[in-house]
Protein backbone atom coordinates (compact mmCIF):
# COMPACT_ATOMS: atom_id res chain seq x y z
CA UNK A 1 45.34 3.74 -63.97
CA UNK A 2 48.59 1.84 -63.44
CA UNK A 3 49.77 2.62 -66.95
CA UNK A 4 49.07 6.33 -66.59
CA UNK A 5 50.74 6.40 -63.17
CA UNK A 6 53.72 4.50 -64.52
CA UNK A 7 54.04 6.87 -67.48
CA UNK A 8 53.84 9.95 -65.24
CA UNK A 9 56.42 8.46 -62.88
CA UNK A 10 58.78 7.77 -65.77
CA UNK A 11 58.29 11.30 -67.09
CA UNK A 12 58.91 12.70 -63.61
CA UNK A 13 62.16 10.76 -63.26
CA UNK A 14 63.31 12.04 -66.66
CA UNK A 15 62.49 15.65 -65.78
CA UNK A 16 64.22 15.44 -62.39
CA UNK A 17 67.30 13.87 -63.95
CA UNK A 18 67.43 16.72 -66.46
CA UNK A 19 66.76 19.39 -63.79
CA UNK A 20 63.58 20.47 -65.58
CA UNK A 21 61.77 21.50 -62.41
CA UNK A 22 58.71 23.18 -63.96
CA UNK A 23 57.99 20.06 -66.01
CA UNK A 24 58.57 17.90 -62.93
CA UNK A 25 55.89 19.92 -61.10
CA UNK A 26 53.47 19.32 -63.98
CA UNK A 27 54.13 15.57 -63.87
CA UNK A 28 53.56 15.56 -60.12
CA UNK A 29 50.26 17.39 -60.59
CA UNK A 30 49.16 14.50 -62.79
CA UNK A 31 50.17 12.00 -60.12
CA UNK A 32 48.31 14.02 -57.48
CA UNK A 33 45.15 13.83 -59.60
CA UNK A 34 45.47 10.05 -59.48
CA UNK A 35 46.32 9.89 -55.75
CA UNK A 36 45.16 13.11 -54.03
CA UNK A 37 45.82 11.78 -50.51
CA UNK A 38 49.52 11.03 -51.08
CA UNK A 39 51.28 13.60 -48.91
CA UNK A 40 54.70 12.68 -50.29
CA UNK A 41 53.69 13.96 -53.73
CA UNK A 42 52.87 17.36 -52.23
CA UNK A 43 56.15 17.36 -50.32
CA UNK A 44 58.14 16.62 -53.47
CA UNK A 45 56.15 19.22 -55.40
CA UNK A 46 57.15 21.78 -52.80
CA UNK A 47 60.80 20.83 -53.25
CA UNK A 48 60.59 21.09 -57.03
CA UNK A 49 58.73 24.41 -56.84
CA UNK A 50 61.55 25.82 -54.70
CA UNK A 51 64.08 24.66 -57.27
CA UNK A 52 61.97 26.19 -60.07
CA UNK A 53 61.85 29.51 -58.19
CA UNK A 54 58.12 29.36 -57.44
CA UNK A 55 58.06 30.13 -53.72
CA UNK A 56 54.30 30.66 -53.54
CA UNK A 57 53.68 27.27 -55.16
CA UNK A 58 56.17 25.66 -52.80
CA UNK A 59 54.48 27.08 -49.72
CA UNK A 60 51.07 25.92 -50.95
CA UNK A 61 52.38 22.41 -51.65
CA UNK A 62 54.21 22.16 -48.33
CA UNK A 63 51.08 23.32 -46.50
CA UNK A 64 48.96 20.66 -48.21
CA UNK A 65 51.55 18.00 -47.33
CA UNK A 66 51.68 19.13 -43.70
CA UNK A 67 47.90 19.11 -43.46
CA UNK A 68 47.75 15.56 -44.84
CA UNK A 69 50.49 14.42 -42.44
CA UNK A 70 48.68 15.86 -39.41
CA UNK A 71 45.31 14.49 -40.52
CA UNK A 72 46.85 11.02 -40.91
CA UNK A 73 48.30 11.22 -37.38
CA UNK A 74 51.90 11.99 -38.31
CA UNK A 75 52.22 15.13 -36.23
CA UNK A 76 56.03 15.16 -36.16
CA UNK A 77 56.20 15.00 -39.96
CA UNK A 78 53.59 17.75 -40.12
CA UNK A 79 55.59 19.99 -37.80
CA UNK A 80 58.76 19.37 -39.79
CA UNK A 81 56.90 20.31 -42.97
CA UNK A 82 55.56 23.51 -41.38
CA UNK A 83 59.17 24.38 -40.51
CA UNK A 84 60.07 23.93 -44.18
CA UNK A 85 57.44 26.57 -45.00
CA UNK A 86 59.13 28.99 -42.60
CA UNK A 87 62.48 28.44 -44.34
CA UNK A 88 61.00 29.30 -47.74
């Protein structure tokens, strides 16, 4: 698992550096499959979806991140993420 995660992380860094947002979202989807409870992945996916012009995908990702934050007891982070949805 570590090798796959490491490879996906390297790919993600390459895509972000090259401003290839759609490919960055795909790499993040692979990381989410490995760690579905990582709210930061969803938050970053929302950011990259906004940059790629996919507002619906961004809202969905931000909502999932906010839900995970609130469930984990980070209400302030959850509220801030819900506000990000309103800005999209």
